Amino acid sequence: MVKGLPALKELDENCADCLVGKQHRDAIPKQAMWRASLKLELVHSDICGPIN
């Protein structure tokens, strides 16, 4: 705790907007639907660069 700041109580409830905005992660499939058969047939790259 920081000296001089009041203690905040933690709420157990979430607002509707918070619940809608929460992200979820889908399960990773056990078998890929498509797989590259040649070298450099599929290339992933970051073309956006740093965002400020």
PDB file of N, CA and C in Angstrom:
ATOM      1  N   MET A   1       0.834  -1.181   0.000  1.00  0.00           N
ATOM      2  CA  MET A   1       0.000   0.000   0.000  1.00  0.00           C
ATOM      3  C   MET A   1       0.883   1.250   0.000  1.00  0.00           C
ATOM      4  N   VAL A   2       0.354   2.298  -0.559  1.00  0.00           N
ATOM      5  CA  VAL A   2       1.064   3.567  -0.625  1.00  0.00           C
ATOM      6  C   VAL A   2       0.575   4.462   0.503  1.00  0.00           C
ATOM      7  N   LYS A   3       1.500   5.068   1.211  1.00  0.00           N
ATOM      8  CA  LYS A   3       1.121   5.959   2.310  1.00  0.00           C
ATOM      9  C   LYS A   3       0.406   7.183   1.753  1.00  0.00           C
ATOM     10  N   GLY A   4      -0.700   7.555   2.397  1.00  0.00           N
ATOM     11  CA  GLY A   4      -1.431   8.744   1.993  1.00  0.00           C
ATOM     12  C   GLY A   4      -2.589   8.477   1.046  1.00  0.00           C
ATOM     13  N   LEU A   5      -2.654   7.300   0.430  1.00  0.00           N
ATOM     14  CA  LEU A   5      -3.767   6.975  -0.458  1.00  0.00           C
ATOM     15  C   LEU A   5      -4.793   6.152   0.306  1.00  0.00           C
ATOM     16  N   PRO A   6      -6.074   6.427   0.105  1.00  0.00           N
ATOM     17  CA  PRO A   6      -7.090   5.642   0.799  1.00  0.00           C
ATOM     18  C   PRO A   6      -7.155   4.224   0.232  1.00  0.00           C
ATOM     19  N   ALA A   7      -7.513   3.294   1.090  1.00  0.00           N
ATOM     20  CA  ALA A   7      -7.658   1.906   0.645  1.00  0.00           C
ATOM     21  C   ALA A   7      -8.926   1.794  -0.192  1.00  0.00           C
ATOM     22  N   LEU A   8      -8.820   1.178  -1.353  1.00  0.00           N
ATOM     23  CA  LEU A   8      -9.970   0.995  -2.233  1.00  0.00           C
ATOM     24  C   LEU A   8     -10.516  -0.406  -2.042  1.00  0.00           C
ATOM     25  N   LYS A   9     -11.834  -0.504  -1.978  1.00  0.00           N
ATOM     26  CA  LYS A   9     -12.410  -1.840  -1.867  1.00  0.00           C
ATOM     27  C   LYS A   9     -12.584  -2.417  -3.266  1.00  0.00           C
ATOM     28  N   GLU A  10     -12.409  -3.699  -3.376  1.00  0.00           N
ATOM     29  CA  GLU A  10     -12.464  -4.378  -4.661  1.00  0.00           C
ATOM     30  C   GLU A  10     -13.878  -4.876  -4.898  1.00  0.00           C
ATOM     31  N   LEU A  11     -14.433  -4.581  -6.074  1.00  0.00           N
ATOM     32  CA  LEU A  11     -15.783  -5.024  -6.405  1.00  0.00           C
ATOM     33  C   LEU A  11     -15.716  -6.363  -7.132  1.00  0.00           C
ATOM     34  N   ASP A  12     -16.664  -7.236  -6.823  1.00  0.00           N
ATOM     35  CA  ASP A  12     -16.705  -8.546  -7.468  1.00  0.00           C
ATOM     36  C   ASP A  12     -17.538  -8.542  -8.743  1.00  0.00           C
ATOM     37  N   GLU A  13     -18.256  -7.461  -9.005  1.00  0.00           N
ATOM     38  CA  GLU A  13     -19.122  -7.443 -10.172  1.00  0.00           C
ATOM     39  C   GLU A  13     -18.460  -6.685 -11.319  1.00  0.00           C
ATOM     40  N   ASN A  14     -18.774  -7.094 -12.539  1.00  0.00           N
ATOM     41  CA  ASN A  14     -18.252  -6.444 -13.737  1.00  0.00           C
ATOM     42  C   ASN A  14     -19.392  -5.754 -14.462  1.00  0.00           C
ATOM     43  N   CYS A  15     -19.121  -4.611 -15.056  1.00  0.00           N
ATOM     44  CA  CYS A  15     -20.151  -3.932 -15.839  1.00  0.00           C
ATOM     45  C   CYS A  15     -20.312  -4.647 -17.180  1.00  0.00           C
ATOM     46  N   ALA A  16     -21.425  -4.395 -17.864  1.00  0.00           N
ATOM     47  CA  ALA A  16     -21.720  -5.079 -19.128  1.00  0.00           C
ATOM     48  C   ALA A  16     -20.653  -4.778 -20.180  1.00  0.00           C
ATOM     49  N   ASP A  17     -20.166  -3.539 -20.223  1.00  0.00           N
ATOM     50  CA  ASP A  17     -19.147  -3.177 -21.215  1.00  0.00           C
ATOM     51  C   ASP A  17     -17.843  -3.924 -20.976  1.00  0.00           C
ATOM     52  N   CYS A  18     -17.494  -4.142 -19.703  1.00  0.00           N
ATOM     53  CA  CYS A  18     -16.271  -4.887 -19.392  1.00  0.00           C
ATOM     54  C   CYS A  18     -16.390  -6.334 -19.864  1.00  0.00           C
ATOM     55  N   LEU A  19     -17.559  -6.928 -19.675  1.00  0.00           N
ATOM     56  CA  LEU A  19     -17.759  -8.314 -20.091  1.00  0.00           C
ATOM     57  C   LEU A  19     -17.719  -8.450 -21.605  1.00  0.00           C
ATOM     58  N   VAL A  20     -18.299  -7.477 -22.324  1.00  0.00           N
ATOM     59  CA  VAL A  20     -18.292  -7.521 -23.786  1.00  0.00           C
ATOM     60  C   VAL A  20     -16.873  -7.340 -24.309  1.00  0.00           C
ATOM     61  N   GLY A  21     -16.081  -6.498 -23.667  1.00  0.00           N
ATOM     62  CA  GLY A  21     -14.738  -6.190 -24.138  1.00  0.00           C
ATOM     63  C   GLY A  21     -13.696  -7.239 -23.824  1.00  0.00           C
ATOM     64  N   LYS A  22     -14.020  -8.192 -22.970  1.00  0.00           N
ATOM     65  CA  LYS A  22     -13.032  -9.213 -22.610  1.00  0.00           C
ATOM     66  C   LYS A  22     -12.741 -10.102 -23.816  1.00  0.00           C
ATOM     67  N   GLN A  23     -11.482 -10.372 -24.017  1.00  0.00           N
ATOM     68  CA  GLN A  23     -11.086 -11.230 -25.123  1.00  0.00           C
ATOM     69  C   GLN A  23     -11.059 -12.675 -24.662  1.00  0.00           C
ATOM     70  N   HIS A  24     -11.215 -13.557 -25.593  1.00  0.00           N
ATOM     71  CA  HIS A  24     -11.100 -14.978 -25.290  1.00  0.00           C
ATOM     72  C   HIS A  24     -10.170 -15.617 -26.312  1.00  0.00           C
ATOM     73  N   ARG A  25      -9.681 -16.747 -25.980  1.00  0.00           N
ATOM     74  CA  ARG A  25      -8.755 -17.449 -26.855  1.00  0.00           C
ATOM     75  C   ARG A  25      -9.384 -18.782 -27.254  1.00  0.00           C
ATOM     76  N   ASP A  26      -9.456 -19.019 -28.559  1.00  0.00           N
ATOM     77  CA  ASP A  26      -9.984 -20.287 -29.047  1.00  0.00           C
ATOM     78  C   ASP A  26      -8.949 -21.381 -28.840  1.00  0.00           C
ATOM     79  N   ALA A  27      -9.418 -22.599 -28.748  1.00  0.00           N
ATOM     80  CA  ALA A  27      -8.519 -23.733 -28.590  1.00  0.00           C
ATOM     81  C   ALA A  27      -7.692 -23.925 -29.862  1.00  0.00           C
ATOM     82  N   ILE A  28      -6.453 -24.328 -29.696  1.00  0.00           N
ATOM     83  CA  ILE A  28      -5.583 -24.591 -30.840  1.00  0.00           C
ATOM     84  C   ILE A  28      -5.991 -25.929 -31.443  1.00  0.00           C
ATOM     85  N   PRO A  29      -6.265 -25.966 -32.756  1.00  0.00           N
ATOM     86  CA  PRO A  29      -6.684 -27.234 -33.357  1.00  0.00           C
ATOM     87  C   PRO A  29      -5.554 -28.258 -33.316  1.00  0.00           C
ATOM     88  N   LYS A  30      -5.923 -29.511 -33.140  1.00  0.00           N
ATOM     89  CA  LYS A  30      -4.919 -30.579 -33.069  1.00  0.00           C
ATOM     90  C   LYS A  30      -4.279 -30.824 -34.433  1.00  0.00           C
ATOM     91  N   GLN A  31      -5.021 -30.596 -35.499  1.00  0.00           N
ATOM     92  CA  GLN A  31      -4.502 -30.810 -36.847  1.00  0.00           C
ATOM     93  C   GLN A  31      -4.783 -29.560 -37.674  1.00  0.00           C
ATOM     94  N   ALA A  32      -3.782 -29.074 -38.371  1.00  0.00           N
ATOM     95  CA  ALA A  32      -3.941 -27.882 -39.201  1.00  0.00           C
ATOM     96  C   ALA A  32      -4.790 -28.207 -40.425  1.00  0.00           C
ATOM     97  N   MET A  33      -5.583 -27.210 -40.853  1.00  0.00           N
ATOM     98  CA  MET A  33      -6.415 -27.423 -42.040  1.00  0.00           C
ATOM     99  C   MET A  33      -5.570 -27.328 -43.313  1.00  0.00           C
ATOM    100  N   TRP A  34      -4.507 -26.549 -43.261  1.00  0.00           N
ATOM    101  CA  TRP A  34      -3.641 -26.385 -44.425  1.00  0.00           C
ATOM    102  C   TRP A  34      -2.209 -26.316 -43.947  1.00  0.00           C
ATOM    103  N   ARG A  35      -1.306 -26.908 -44.678  1.00  0.00           N
ATOM    104  CA  ARG A  35       0.104 -26.891 -44.302  1.00  0.00           C
ATOM    105  C   ARG A  35       0.943 -26.629 -45.549  1.00  0.00           C
ATOM    106  N   ALA A  36       1.949 -25.787 -45.427  1.00  0.00           N
ATOM    107  CA  ALA A  36       2.833 -25.489 -46.554  1.00  0.00           C
ATOM    108  C   ALA A  36       3.629 -26.732 -46.920  1.00  0.00           C
ATOM    109  N   SER A  37       3.783 -26.955 -48.209  1.00  0.00           N
ATOM    110  CA  SER A  37       4.534 -28.125 -48.662  1.00  0.00           C
ATOM    111  C   SER A  37       5.897 -27.747 -49.241  1.00  0.00           C
ATOM    112  N   LEU A  38       6.094 -26.478 -49.577  1.00  0.00           N
ATOM    113  CA  LEU A  38       7.363 -26.015 -50.130  1.00  0.00           C
ATOM    114  C   LEU A  38       7.961 -24.946 -49.228  1.00  0.00           C
ATOM    115  N   LYS A  39       9.277 -24.779 -49.303  1.00  0.00           N
ATOM    116  CA  LYS A  39       9.929 -23.721 -48.540  1.00  0.00           C
ATOM    117  C   LYS A  39       9.436 -22.361 -49.022  1.00  0.00           C
ATOM    118  N   LEU A  40       9.224 -21.449 -48.089  1.00  0.00           N
ATOM    119  CA  LEU A  40       8.768 -20.082 -48.352  1.00  0.00           C
ATOM    120  C   LEU A  40       7.389 -20.017 -49.014  1.00  0.00           C
ATOM    121  N   GLU A  41       6.631 -21.100 -48.942  1.00  0.00           N
ATOM    122  CA  GLU A  41       5.279 -21.078 -49.489  1.00  0.00           C
ATOM    123  C   GLU A  41       4.349 -20.248 -48.591  1.00  0.00           C
ATOM    124  N   LEU A  42       4.643 -20.237 -47.305  1.00  0.00           N
ATOM    125  CA  LEU A  42       3.877 -19.451 -46.350  1.00  0.00           C
ATOM    126  C   LEU A  42       4.856 -18.656 -45.504  1.00  0.00           C
ATOM    127  N   VAL A  43       4.726 -17.327 -45.536  1.00  0.00           N
ATOM    128  CA  VAL A  43       5.635 -16.459 -44.799  1.00  0.00           C
ATOM    129  C   VAL A  43       4.802 -15.530 -43.916  1.00  0.00           C
ATOM    130  N   HIS A  44       5.139 -15.465 -42.627  1.00  0.00           N
ATOM    131  CA  HIS A  44       4.499 -14.534 -41.699  1.00  0.00           C
ATOM    132  C   HIS A  44       5.456 -13.367 -41.487  1.00  0.00           C
ATOM    133  N   SER A  45       4.925 -12.147 -41.528  1.00  0.00           N
ATOM    134  CA  SER A  45       5.781 -10.987 -41.297  1.00  0.00           C
ATOM    135  C   SER A  45       4.999  -9.895 -40.577  1.00  0.00           C
ATOM    136  N   ASP A  46       5.726  -9.043 -39.880  1.00  0.00           N
ATOM    137  CA  ASP A  46       5.150  -7.906 -39.175  1.00  0.00           C
ATOM    138  C   ASP A  46       5.407  -6.673 -40.028  1.00  0.00           C
ATOM    139  N   ILE A  47       4.401  -6.238 -40.778  1.00  0.00           N
ATOM    140  CA  ILE A  47       4.590  -5.112 -41.689  1.00  0.00           C
ATOM    141  C   ILE A  47       4.114  -3.793 -41.091  1.00  0.00           C
ATOM    142  N   CYS A  48       3.580  -3.834 -39.880  1.00  0.00           N
ATOM    143  CA  CYS A  48       3.031  -2.624 -39.270  1.00  0.00           C
ATOM    144  C   CYS A  48       4.115  -1.797 -38.589  1.00  0.00           C
ATOM    145  N   GLY A  49       5.032  -2.444 -37.912  1.00  0.00           N
ATOM    146  CA  GLY A  49       6.073  -1.717 -37.198  1.00  0.00           C
ATOM    147  C   GLY A  49       5.599  -1.270 -35.830  1.00  0.00           C
ATOM    148  N   PRO A  50       6.436  -0.536 -35.104  1.00  0.00           N
ATOM    149  CA  PRO A  50       6.052  -0.096 -33.765  1.00  0.00           C
ATOM    150  C   PRO A  50       4.921   0.936 -33.815  1.00  0.00           C
ATOM    151  N   ILE A  51       4.009   0.835 -32.866  1.00  0.00           N
ATOM    152  CA  ILE A  51       2.891   1.770 -32.775  1.00  0.00           C
ATOM    153  C   ILE A  51       3.081   2.610 -31.522  1.00  0.00           C
ATOM    154  N   ASN A  52       3.028   3.901 -31.689  1.00  0.00           N
ATOM    155  CA  ASN A  52       3.193   4.815 -30.554  1.00  0.00           C
ATOM    156  C   ASN A  52       1.854   5.382 -30.142  1.00  0.00           C
TER     157      ASN A  52
END
